Amino acid sequence: MPTEPDDHFFVVDGRRWRRTDPAIPEDVAAALRSHLGRGRNAVKLAKKAGDDGALAVARHRNGLAKHGLGERGPEWWSRPEADRVADARRALSELDALDAGAP
């Protein structure tokens, strides 16, 4: 595995991470990053509380956000841009709907 960054990846402490899809509109990407940050905080809190149910929900939210950003799932650079943007918008809608259903 290459350890140098390229257009698709960046490297932190020798570990390669997939970059966010640059085709995603900034407002959508920002909203997805916000959901991801809140989800990461929820993971931390659920672990601290020993709440497996909350941990599963938080990890599901993180997965939706990461997929929406193109950081997980199919490689974004091998897919049509319109499909990638539609997937990002769909992930954001799902995350917003989860928030709307939250107490």
PDB file of N, CA and C in Angstrom:
ATOM      1  N   MET A   1       0.859  -1.174   0.000  1.00  0.00           N
ATOM      2  CA  MET A   1       0.000   0.000   0.000  1.00  0.00           C
ATOM      3  C   MET A   1       0.910   1.244   0.000  1.00  0.00           C
ATOM      4  N   PRO A   2       0.636   2.180  -0.892  1.00  0.00           N
ATOM      5  CA  PRO A   2       1.442   3.398  -0.922  1.00  0.00           C
ATOM      6  C   PRO A   2       1.263   4.208   0.367  1.00  0.00           C
ATOM      7  N   THR A   3       2.310   4.891   0.773  1.00  0.00           N
ATOM      8  CA  THR A   3       2.207   5.724   1.968  1.00  0.00           C
ATOM      9  C   THR A   3       2.237   7.201   1.621  1.00  0.00           C
ATOM     10  N   GLU A   4       2.270   7.520   0.358  1.00  0.00           N
ATOM     11  CA  GLU A   4       2.268   8.915  -0.085  1.00  0.00           C
ATOM     12  C   GLU A   4       0.850   9.345  -0.423  1.00  0.00           C
ATOM     13  N   PRO A   5       0.494  10.581  -0.125  1.00  0.00           N
ATOM     14  CA  PRO A   5      -0.846  11.056  -0.480  1.00  0.00           C
ATOM     15  C   PRO A   5      -0.992  11.218  -1.993  1.00  0.00           C
ATOM     16  N   ASP A   6      -2.211  11.159  -2.479  1.00  0.00           N
ATOM     17  CA  ASP A   6      -2.518  11.451  -3.873  1.00  0.00           C
ATOM     18  C   ASP A   6      -3.860  12.175  -3.913  1.00  0.00           C
ATOM     19  N   ASP A   7      -4.465  12.249  -5.070  1.00  0.00           N
ATOM     20  CA  ASP A   7      -5.741  12.965  -5.194  1.00  0.00           C
ATOM     21  C   ASP A   7      -6.894  12.266  -4.479  1.00  0.00           C
ATOM     22  N   HIS A   8      -6.732  10.999  -4.168  1.00  0.00           N
ATOM     23  CA  HIS A   8      -7.811  10.226  -3.574  1.00  0.00           C
ATOM     24  C   HIS A   8      -7.616   9.945  -2.088  1.00  0.00           C
ATOM     25  N   PHE A   9      -6.390  10.087  -1.620  1.00  0.00           N
ATOM     26  CA  PHE A   9      -6.078   9.734  -0.237  1.00  0.00           C
ATOM     27  C   PHE A   9      -5.180  10.791   0.401  1.00  0.00           C
ATOM     28  N   PHE A  10      -5.137  10.780   1.720  1.00  0.00           N
ATOM     29  CA  PHE A  10      -4.135  11.536   2.461  1.00  0.00           C
ATOM     30  C   PHE A  10      -3.582  10.601   3.530  1.00  0.00           C
ATOM     31  N   VAL A  11      -2.416  10.898   4.035  1.00  0.00           N
ATOM     32  CA  VAL A  11      -1.738  10.025   4.988  1.00  0.00           C
ATOM     33  C   VAL A  11      -1.524  10.776   6.296  1.00  0.00           C
ATOM     34  N   VAL A  12      -1.897  10.118   7.401  1.00  0.00           N
ATOM     35  CA  VAL A  12      -1.672  10.654   8.740  1.00  0.00           C
ATOM     36  C   VAL A  12      -1.017   9.544   9.558  1.00  0.00           C
ATOM     37  N   ASP A  13       0.134   9.848  10.114  1.00  0.00           N
ATOM     38  CA  ASP A  13       0.865   8.877  10.937  1.00  0.00           C
ATOM     39  C   ASP A  13       1.021   7.535  10.223  1.00  0.00           C
ATOM     40  N   GLY A  14       1.302   7.594   8.922  1.00  0.00           N
ATOM     41  CA  GLY A  14       1.531   6.376   8.148  1.00  0.00           C
ATOM     42  C   GLY A  14       0.276   5.637   7.733  1.00  0.00           C
ATOM     43  N   ARG A  15      -0.885   6.141   8.112  1.00  0.00           N
ATOM     44  CA  ARG A  15      -2.142   5.487   7.744  1.00  0.00           C
ATOM     45  C   ARG A  15      -2.822   6.281   6.639  1.00  0.00           C
ATOM     46  N   ARG A  16      -3.269   5.573   5.627  1.00  0.00           N
ATOM     47  CA  ARG A  16      -3.894   6.197   4.471  1.00  0.00           C
ATOM     48  C   ARG A  16      -5.401   6.299   4.694  1.00  0.00           C
ATOM     49  N   TRP A  17      -5.948   7.487   4.445  1.00  0.00           N
ATOM     50  CA  TRP A  17      -7.381   7.760   4.600  1.00  0.00           C
ATOM     51  C   TRP A  17      -7.923   8.287   3.282  1.00  0.00           C
ATOM     52  N   ARG A  18      -9.145   7.888   2.965  1.00  0.00           N
ATOM     53  CA  ARG A  18      -9.766   8.364   1.732  1.00  0.00           C
ATOM     54  C   ARG A  18     -10.215   9.807   1.902  1.00  0.00           C
ATOM     55  N   ARG A  19      -9.952  10.620   0.883  1.00  0.00           N
ATOM     56  CA  ARG A  19     -10.383  12.022   0.895  1.00  0.00           C
ATOM     57  C   ARG A  19     -11.884  12.114   0.648  1.00  0.00           C
ATOM     58  N   THR A  20     -12.450  13.218   1.099  1.00  0.00           N
ATOM     59  CA  THR A  20     -13.843  13.527   0.801  1.00  0.00           C
ATOM     60  C   THR A  20     -13.976  13.777  -0.697  1.00  0.00           C
ATOM     61  N   ASP A  21     -15.068  13.347  -1.260  1.00  0.00           N
ATOM     62  CA  ASP A  21     -15.339  13.540  -2.688  1.00  0.00           C
ATOM     63  C   ASP A  21     -15.409  15.042  -2.989  1.00  0.00           C
ATOM     64  N   PRO A  22     -14.542  15.547  -3.857  1.00  0.00           N
ATOM     65  CA  PRO A  22     -14.537  16.984  -4.145  1.00  0.00           C
ATOM     66  C   PRO A  22     -15.750  17.458  -4.948  1.00  0.00           C
ATOM     67  N   ALA A  23     -16.531  16.536  -5.503  1.00  0.00           N
ATOM     68  CA  ALA A  23     -17.708  16.919  -6.285  1.00  0.00           C
ATOM     69  C   ALA A  23     -18.899  17.287  -5.411  1.00  0.00           C
ATOM     70  N   ILE A  24     -18.846  16.930  -4.142  1.00  0.00           N
ATOM     71  CA  ILE A  24     -19.984  17.215  -3.257  1.00  0.00           C
ATOM     72  C   ILE A  24     -20.038  18.715  -2.991  1.00  0.00           C
ATOM     73  N   PRO A  25     -21.207  19.325  -3.205  1.00  0.00           N
ATOM     74  CA  PRO A  25     -21.331  20.767  -2.939  1.00  0.00           C
ATOM     75  C   PRO A  25     -20.942  21.085  -1.496  1.00  0.00           C
ATOM     76  N   GLU A  26     -20.289  22.210  -1.296  1.00  0.00           N
ATOM     77  CA  GLU A  26     -19.744  22.548   0.020  1.00  0.00           C
ATOM     78  C   GLU A  26     -20.818  22.597   1.100  1.00  0.00           C
ATOM     79  N   ASP A  27     -22.024  23.089   0.794  1.00  0.00           N
ATOM     80  CA  ASP A  27     -23.054  23.138   1.832  1.00  0.00           C
ATOM     81  C   ASP A  27     -23.453  21.734   2.286  1.00  0.00           C
ATOM     82  N   VAL A  28     -23.513  20.801   1.353  1.00  0.00           N
ATOM     83  CA  VAL A  28     -23.850  19.414   1.687  1.00  0.00           C
ATOM     84  C   VAL A  28     -22.706  18.787   2.470  1.00  0.00           C
ATOM     85  N   ALA A  29     -21.473  18.981   2.008  1.00  0.00           N
ATOM     86  CA  ALA A  29     -20.307  18.426   2.697  1.00  0.00           C
ATOM     87  C   ALA A  29     -20.204  18.979   4.114  1.00  0.00           C
ATOM     88  N   ALA A  30     -20.449  20.261   4.290  1.00  0.00           N
ATOM     89  CA  ALA A  30     -20.376  20.875   5.618  1.00  0.00           C
ATOM     90  C   ALA A  30     -21.429  20.270   6.545  1.00  0.00           C
ATOM     91  N   ALA A  31     -22.628  20.067   6.040  1.00  0.00           N
ATOM     92  CA  ALA A  31     -23.688  19.474   6.861  1.00  0.00           C
ATOM     93  C   ALA A  31     -23.340  18.030   7.219  1.00  0.00           C
ATOM     94  N   LEU A  32     -22.770  17.287   6.265  1.00  0.00           N
ATOM     95  CA  LEU A  32     -22.361  15.909   6.548  1.00  0.00           C
ATOM     96  C   LEU A  32     -21.230  15.880   7.578  1.00  0.00           C
ATOM     97  N   ARG A  33     -20.273  16.804   7.473  1.00  0.00           N
ATOM     98  CA  ARG A  33     -19.195  16.874   8.462  1.00  0.00           C
ATOM     99  C   ARG A  33     -19.747  17.218   9.849  1.00  0.00           C
ATOM    100  N   SER A  34     -20.758  18.060   9.897  1.00  0.00           N
ATOM    101  CA  SER A  34     -21.380  18.396  11.167  1.00  0.00           C
ATOM    102  C   SER A  34     -22.020  17.149  11.796  1.00  0.00           C
ATOM    103  N   HIS A  35     -22.745  16.400  10.988  1.00  0.00           N
ATOM    104  CA  HIS A  35     -23.344  15.150  11.485  1.00  0.00           C
ATOM    105  C   HIS A  35     -22.255  14.196  11.952  1.00  0.00           C
ATOM    106  N   LEU A  36     -21.164  14.120  11.209  1.00  0.00           N
ATOM    107  CA  LEU A  36     -20.065  13.228  11.572  1.00  0.00           C
ATOM    108  C   LEU A  36     -19.444  13.636  12.906  1.00  0.00           C
ATOM    109  N   GLY A  37     -19.227  14.912  13.099  1.00  0.00           N
ATOM    110  CA  GLY A  37     -18.661  15.380  14.359  1.00  0.00           C
ATOM    111  C   GLY A  37     -19.566  15.077  15.538  1.00  0.00           C
ATOM    112  N   ARG A  38     -20.852  15.318  15.351  1.00  0.00           N
ATOM    113  CA  ARG A  38     -21.804  15.018  16.427  1.00  0.00           C
ATOM    114  C   ARG A  38     -21.880  13.521  16.682  1.00  0.00           C
ATOM    115  N   GLY A  39     -21.790  12.748  15.594  1.00  0.00           N
ATOM    116  CA  GLY A  39     -21.803  11.295  15.744  1.00  0.00           C
ATOM    117  C   GLY A  39     -20.583  10.781  16.488  1.00  0.00           C
ATOM    118  N   ARG A  40     -19.426  11.357  16.186  1.00  0.00           N
ATOM    119  CA  ARG A  40     -18.201  10.953  16.890  1.00  0.00           C
ATOM    120  C   ARG A  40     -18.314  11.261  18.380  1.00  0.00           C
ATOM    121  N   ASN A  41     -18.885  12.408  18.701  1.00  0.00           N
ATOM    122  CA  ASN A  41     -19.097  12.750  20.102  1.00  0.00           C
ATOM    123  C   ASN A  41     -20.070  11.767  20.751  1.00  0.00           C
ATOM    124  N   ALA A  42     -21.104  11.379  20.026  1.00  0.00           N
ATOM    125  CA  ALA A  42     -22.079  10.428  20.558  1.00  0.00           C
ATOM    126  C   ALA A  42     -21.436   9.068  20.808  1.00  0.00           C
ATOM    127  N   VAL A  43     -20.498   8.651  19.950  1.00  0.00           N
ATOM    128  CA  VAL A  43     -19.777   7.397  20.163  1.00  0.00           C
ATOM    129  C   VAL A  43     -18.999   7.477  21.471  1.00  0.00           C
ATOM    130  N   LYS A  44     -18.303   8.566  21.652  1.00  0.00           N
ATOM    131  CA  LYS A  44     -17.503   8.756  22.869  1.00  0.00           C
ATOM    132  C   LYS A  44     -18.383   8.677  24.118  1.00  0.00           C
ATOM    133  N   LEU A  45     -19.511   9.383  24.089  1.00  0.00           N
ATOM    134  CA  LEU A  45     -20.409   9.395  25.242  1.00  0.00           C
ATOM    135  C   LEU A  45     -21.029   8.026  25.491  1.00  0.00           C
ATOM    136  N   ALA A  46     -21.400   7.319  24.410  1.00  0.00           N
ATOM    137  CA  ALA A  46     -22.012   5.998  24.560  1.00  0.00           C
ATOM    138  C   ALA A  46     -21.012   4.996  25.126  1.00  0.00           C
ATOM    139  N   LYS A  47     -19.771   5.088  24.681  1.00  0.00           N
ATOM    140  CA  LYS A  47     -18.738   4.200  25.228  1.00  0.00           C
ATOM    141  C   LYS A  47     -18.532   4.470  26.713  1.00  0.00           C
ATOM    142  N   LYS A  48     -18.460   5.744  27.056  1.00  0.00           N
ATOM    143  CA  LYS A  48     -18.247   6.127  28.458  1.00  0.00           C
ATOM    144  C   LYS A  48     -19.392   5.628  29.337  1.00  0.00           C
ATOM    145  N   ALA A  49     -20.617   5.684  28.798  1.00  0.00           N
ATOM    146  CA  ALA A  49     -21.792   5.261  29.555  1.00  0.00           C
ATOM    147  C   ALA A  49     -22.013   3.749  29.497  1.00  0.00           C
ATOM    148  N   GLY A  50     -21.292   3.057  28.610  1.00  0.00           N
ATOM    149  CA  GLY A  50     -21.505   1.619  28.455  1.00  0.00           C
ATOM    150  C   GLY A  50     -22.839   1.296  27.813  1.00  0.00           C
ATOM    151  N   ASP A  51     -23.340   2.204  26.990  1.00  0.00           N
ATOM    152  CA  ASP A  51     -24.658   2.056  26.356  1.00  0.00           C
ATOM    153  C   ASP A  51     -24.493   1.499  24.941  1.00  0.00           C
ATOM    154  N   ASP A  52     -24.639   0.181  24.812  1.00  0.00           N
ATOM    155  CA  ASP A  52     -24.434  -0.474  23.512  1.00  0.00           C
ATOM    156  C   ASP A  52     -25.449  -0.041  22.471  1.00  0.00           C
ATOM    157  N   GLY A  53     -26.674   0.224  22.889  1.00  0.00           N
ATOM    158  CA  GLY A  53     -27.705   0.671  21.947  1.00  0.00           C
ATOM    159  C   GLY A  53     -27.370   2.034  21.363  1.00  0.00           C
ATOM    160  N   ALA A  54     -26.983   2.957  22.230  1.00  0.00           N
ATOM    161  CA  ALA A  54     -26.604   4.294  21.768  1.00  0.00           C
ATOM    162  C   ALA A  54     -25.344   4.237  20.919  1.00  0.00           C
ATOM    163  N   LEU A  55     -24.432   3.333  21.252  1.00  0.00           N
ATOM    164  CA  LEU A  55     -23.208   3.182  20.474  1.00  0.00           C
ATOM    165  C   LEU A  55     -23.529   2.714  19.059  1.00  0.00           C
ATOM    166  N   ALA A  56     -24.438   1.771  18.932  1.00  0.00           N
ATOM    167  CA  ALA A  56     -24.826   1.275  17.613  1.00  0.00           C
ATOM    168  C   ALA A  56     -25.480   2.381  16.777  1.00  0.00           C
ATOM    169  N   VAL A  57     -26.336   3.164  17.405  1.00  0.00           N
ATOM    170  CA  VAL A  57     -26.997   4.272  16.699  1.00  0.00           C
ATOM    171  C   VAL A  57     -25.972   5.304  16.255  1.00  0.00           C
ATOM    172  N   ALA A  58     -25.040   5.640  17.131  1.00  0.00           N
ATOM    173  CA  ALA A  58     -24.011   6.634  16.798  1.00  0.00           C
ATOM    174  C   ALA A  58     -23.119   6.137  15.674  1.00  0.00           C
ATOM    175  N   ARG A  59     -22.743   4.871  15.710  1.00  0.00           N
ATOM    176  CA  ARG A  59     -21.906   4.323  14.637  1.00  0.00           C
ATOM    177  C   ARG A  59     -22.659   4.267  13.311  1.00  0.00           C
ATOM    178  N   HIS A  60     -23.950   3.993  13.376  1.00  0.00           N
ATOM    179  CA  HIS A  60     -24.761   4.014  12.151  1.00  0.00           C
ATOM    180  C   HIS A  60     -24.759   5.423  11.544  1.00  0.00           C
ATOM    181  N   ARG A  61     -24.931   6.423  12.375  1.00  0.00           N
ATOM    182  CA  ARG A  61     -24.907   7.813  11.908  1.00  0.00           C
ATOM    183  C   ARG A  61     -23.550   8.153  11.298  1.00  0.00           C
ATOM    184  N   ASN A  62     -22.474   7.737  11.952  1.00  0.00           N
ATOM    185  CA  ASN A  62     -21.140   7.999  11.412  1.00  0.00           C
ATOM    186  C   ASN A  62     -20.973   7.333  10.054  1.00  0.00           C
ATOM    187  N   GLY A  63     -21.459   6.116   9.928  1.00  0.00           N
ATOM    188  CA  GLY A  63     -21.364   5.410   8.650  1.00  0.00           C
ATOM    189  C   GLY A  63     -22.115   6.127   7.546  1.00  0.00           C
ATOM    190  N   LEU A  64     -23.319   6.609   7.857  1.00  0.00           N
ATOM    191  CA  LEU A  64     -24.085   7.370   6.859  1.00  0.00           C
ATOM    192  C   LEU A  64     -23.322   8.615   6.424  1.00  0.00           C
ATOM    193  N   ALA A  65     -22.763   9.328   7.382  1.00  0.00           N
ATOM    194  CA  ALA A  65     -22.021  10.551   7.060  1.00  0.00           C
ATOM    195  C   ALA A  65     -20.776  10.235   6.235  1.00  0.00           C
ATOM    196  N   LYS A  66     -20.028   9.214   6.628  1.00  0.00           N
ATOM    197  CA  LYS A  66     -18.803   8.848   5.903  1.00  0.00           C
ATOM    198  C   LYS A  66     -19.126   8.387   4.488  1.00  0.00           C
ATOM    199  N   HIS A  67     -20.198   7.618   4.319  1.00  0.00           N
ATOM    200  CA  HIS A  67     -20.610   7.202   2.970  1.00  0.00           C
ATOM    201  C   HIS A  67     -21.026   8.419   2.150  1.00  0.00           C
ATOM    202  N   GLY A  68     -21.779   9.321   2.773  1.00  0.00           N
ATOM    203  CA  GLY A  68     -22.217  10.525   2.077  1.00  0.00           C
ATOM    204  C   GLY A  68     -21.057  11.374   1.603  1.00  0.00           C
ATOM    205  N   LEU A  69     -20.004  11.431   2.407  1.00  0.00           N
ATOM    206  CA  LEU A  69     -18.817  12.209   2.045  1.00  0.00           C
ATOM    207  C   LEU A  69     -17.932  11.487   1.029  1.00  0.00           C
ATOM    208  N   GLY A  70     -18.239  10.223   0.756  1.00  0.00           N
ATOM    209  CA  GLY A  70     -17.430   9.445  -0.177  1.00  0.00           C
ATOM    210  C   GLY A  70     -16.213   8.820   0.467  1.00  0.00           C
ATOM    211  N   GLU A  71     -16.140   8.875   1.787  1.00  0.00           N
ATOM    212  CA  GLU A  71     -14.980   8.363   2.503  1.00  0.00           C
ATOM    213  C   GLU A  71     -15.086   6.875   2.793  1.00  0.00           C
ATOM    214  N   ARG A  72     -16.254   6.304   2.554  1.00  0.00           N
ATOM    215  CA  ARG A  72     -16.491   4.861   2.653  1.00  0.00           C
ATOM    216  C   ARG A  72     -17.347   4.462   1.470  1.00  0.00           C
ATOM    217  N   GLY A  73     -17.454   3.163   1.264  1.00  0.00           N
ATOM    218  CA  GLY A  73     -18.265   2.649   0.167  1.00  0.00           C
ATOM    219  C   GLY A  73     -17.480   2.622  -1.130  1.00  0.00           C
ATOM    220  N   PRO A  74     -18.191   2.614  -2.250  1.00  0.00           N
ATOM    221  CA  PRO A  74     -17.512   2.547  -3.551  1.00  0.00           C
ATOM    222  C   PRO A  74     -16.562   3.728  -3.741  1.00  0.00           C
ATOM    223  N   GLU A  75     -15.471   3.490  -4.421  1.00  0.00           N
ATOM    224  CA  GLU A  75     -14.507   4.562  -4.686  1.00  0.00           C
ATOM    225  C   GLU A  75     -15.181   5.645  -5.521  1.00  0.00           C
ATOM    226  N   TRP A  76     -15.219   6.872  -4.984  1.00  0.00           N
ATOM    227  CA  TRP A  76     -15.946   7.951  -5.662  1.00  0.00           C
ATOM    228  C   TRP A  76     -15.355   8.275  -7.016  1.00  0.00           C
ATOM    229  N   TRP A  77     -14.064   8.141  -7.211  1.00  0.00           N
ATOM    230  CA  TRP A  77     -13.425   8.531  -8.469  1.00  0.00           C
ATOM    231  C   TRP A  77     -13.742   7.578  -9.610  1.00  0.00           C
ATOM    232  N   SER A  78     -14.381   6.455  -9.303  1.00  0.00           N
ATOM    233  CA  SER A  78     -14.730   5.515 -10.362  1.00  0.00           C
ATOM    234  C   SER A  78     -16.222   5.561 -10.704  1.00  0.00           C
ATOM    235  N   ARG A  79     -16.954   6.521 -10.118  1.00  0.00           N
ATOM    236  CA  ARG A  79     -18.402   6.626 -10.324  1.00  0.00           C
ATOM    237  C   ARG A  79     -18.758   7.958 -10.963  1.00  0.00           C
ATOM    238  N   PRO A  80     -19.894   8.003 -11.669  1.00  0.00           N
ATOM    239  CA  PRO A  80     -20.338   9.276 -12.257  1.00  0.00           C
ATOM    240  C   PRO A  80     -20.616  10.317 -11.165  1.00  0.00           C
ATOM    241  N   GLU A  81     -20.247  11.559 -11.458  1.00  0.00           N
ATOM    242  CA  GLU A  81     -20.394  12.637 -10.484  1.00  0.00           C
ATOM    243  C   GLU A  81     -21.843  12.809 -10.027  1.00  0.00           C
ATOM    244  N   ALA A  82     -22.778  12.735 -10.947  1.00  0.00           N
ATOM    245  CA  ALA A  82     -24.187  12.929 -10.579  1.00  0.00           C
ATOM    246  C   ALA A  82     -24.641  11.881  -9.564  1.00  0.00           C
ATOM    247  N   ASP A  83     -24.189  10.643  -9.707  1.00  0.00           N
ATOM    248  CA  ASP A  83     -24.544   9.589  -8.758  1.00  0.00           C
ATOM    249  C   ASP A  83     -23.942   9.870  -7.384  1.00  0.00           C
ATOM    250  N   ARG A  84     -22.711  10.352  -7.361  1.00  0.00           N
ATOM    251  CA  ARG A  84     -22.025  10.640  -6.107  1.00  0.00           C
ATOM    252  C   ARG A  84     -22.717  11.764  -5.353  1.00  0.00           C
ATOM    253  N   VAL A  85     -23.072  12.813  -6.069  1.00  0.00           N
ATOM    254  CA  VAL A  85     -23.751  13.946  -5.435  1.00  0.00           C
ATOM    255  C   VAL A  85     -25.137  13.513  -4.934  1.00  0.00           C
ATOM    256  N   ALA A  86     -25.829  12.702  -5.716  1.00  0.00           N
ATOM    257  CA  ALA A  86     -27.138  12.210  -5.289  1.00  0.00           C
ATOM    258  C   ALA A  86     -27.010  11.358  -4.029  1.00  0.00           C
ATOM    259  N   ASP A  87     -25.969  10.527  -3.952  1.00  0.00           N
ATOM    260  CA  ASP A  87     -25.747   9.715  -2.756  1.00  0.00           C
ATOM    261  C   ASP A  87     -25.469  10.594  -1.536  1.00  0.00           C
ATOM    262  N   ALA A  88     -24.695  11.658  -1.717  1.00  0.00           N
ATOM    263  CA  ALA A  88     -24.399  12.567  -0.616  1.00  0.00           C
ATOM    264  C   ALA A  88     -25.678  13.240  -0.120  1.00  0.00           C
ATOM    265  N   ARG A  89     -26.489  13.693  -1.048  1.00  0.00           N
ATOM    266  CA  ARG A  89     -27.752  14.346  -0.659  1.00  0.00           C
ATOM    267  C   ARG A  89     -28.701  13.354   0.039  1.00  0.00           C
ATOM    268  N   ARG A  90     -28.720  12.126  -0.434  1.00  0.00           N
ATOM    269  CA  ARG A  90     -29.568  11.096   0.172  1.00  0.00           C
ATOM    270  C   ARG A  90     -29.088  10.796   1.606  1.00  0.00           C
ATOM    271  N   ALA A  91     -27.777  10.688   1.789  1.00  0.00           N
ATOM    272  CA  ALA A  91     -27.230  10.441   3.129  1.00  0.00           C
ATOM    273  C   ALA A  91     -27.587  11.588   4.067  1.00  0.00           C
ATOM    274  N   LEU A  92     -27.477  12.810   3.577  1.00  0.00           N
ATOM    275  CA  LEU A  92     -27.817  13.969   4.399  1.00  0.00           C
ATOM    276  C   LEU A  92     -29.297  13.949   4.768  1.00  0.00           C
ATOM    277  N   SER A  93     -30.148  13.598   3.825  1.00  0.00           N
ATOM    278  CA  SER A  93     -31.591  13.515   4.119  1.00  0.00           C
ATOM    279  C   SER A  93     -31.865  12.469   5.192  1.00  0.00           C
ATOM    280  N   GLU A  94     -31.188  11.319   5.101  1.00  0.00           N
ATOM    281  CA  GLU A  94     -31.378  10.267   6.110  1.00  0.00           C
ATOM    282  C   GLU A  94     -30.918  10.753   7.486  1.00  0.00           C
ATOM    283  N   LEU A  95     -29.773  11.425   7.520  1.00  0.00           N
ATOM    284  CA  LEU A  95     -29.260  11.929   8.792  1.00  0.00           C
ATOM    285  C   LEU A  95     -30.189  12.996   9.369  1.00  0.00           C
ATOM    286  N   ASP A  96     -30.661  13.904   8.522  1.00  0.00           N
ATOM    287  CA  ASP A  96     -31.605  14.926   8.995  1.00  0.00           C
ATOM    288  C   ASP A  96     -32.893  14.287   9.515  1.00  0.00           C
ATOM    289  N   ALA A  97     -33.356  13.223   8.852  1.00  0.00           N
ATOM    290  CA  ALA A  97     -34.566  12.531   9.286  1.00  0.00           C
ATOM    291  C   ALA A  97     -34.336  11.848  10.637  1.00  0.00           C
ATOM    292  N   LEU A  98     -33.141  11.293  10.831  1.00  0.00           N
ATOM    293  CA  LEU A  98     -32.843  10.696  12.135  1.00  0.00           C
ATOM    294  C   LEU A  98     -32.874  11.756  13.233  1.00  0.00           C
ATOM    295  N   ASP A  99     -32.336  12.939  12.919  1.00  0.00           N
ATOM    296  CA  ASP A  99     -32.364  14.031  13.891  1.00  0.00           C
ATOM    297  C   ASP A  99     -33.798  14.482  14.175  1.00  0.00           C
ATOM    298  N   ALA A 100     -34.618  14.511  13.148  1.00  0.00           N
ATOM    299  CA  ALA A 100     -36.004  14.948  13.329  1.00  0.00           C
ATOM    300  C   ALA A 100     -36.770  13.974  14.212  1.00  0.00           C
ATOM    301  N   GLY A 101     -36.395  12.698  14.171  1.00  0.00           N
ATOM    302  CA  GLY A 101     -37.058  11.688  14.974  1.00  0.00           C
ATOM    303  C   GLY A 101     -36.477  11.563  16.374  1.00  0.00           C
ATOM    304  N   ALA A 102     -35.344  12.247  16.604  1.00  0.00           N
ATOM    305  CA  ALA A 102     -34.714  12.161  17.920  1.00  0.00           C
ATOM    306  C   ALA A 102     -35.489  13.002  18.930  1.00  0.00           C
ATOM    307  N   PRO A 103     -35.484  12.563  20.193  1.00  0.00           N
ATOM    308  CA  PRO A 103     -36.197  13.345  21.212  1.00  0.00           C
ATOM    309  C   PRO A 103     -35.546  14.678  21.489  1.00  0.00           C
TER     310      PRO A 103
END
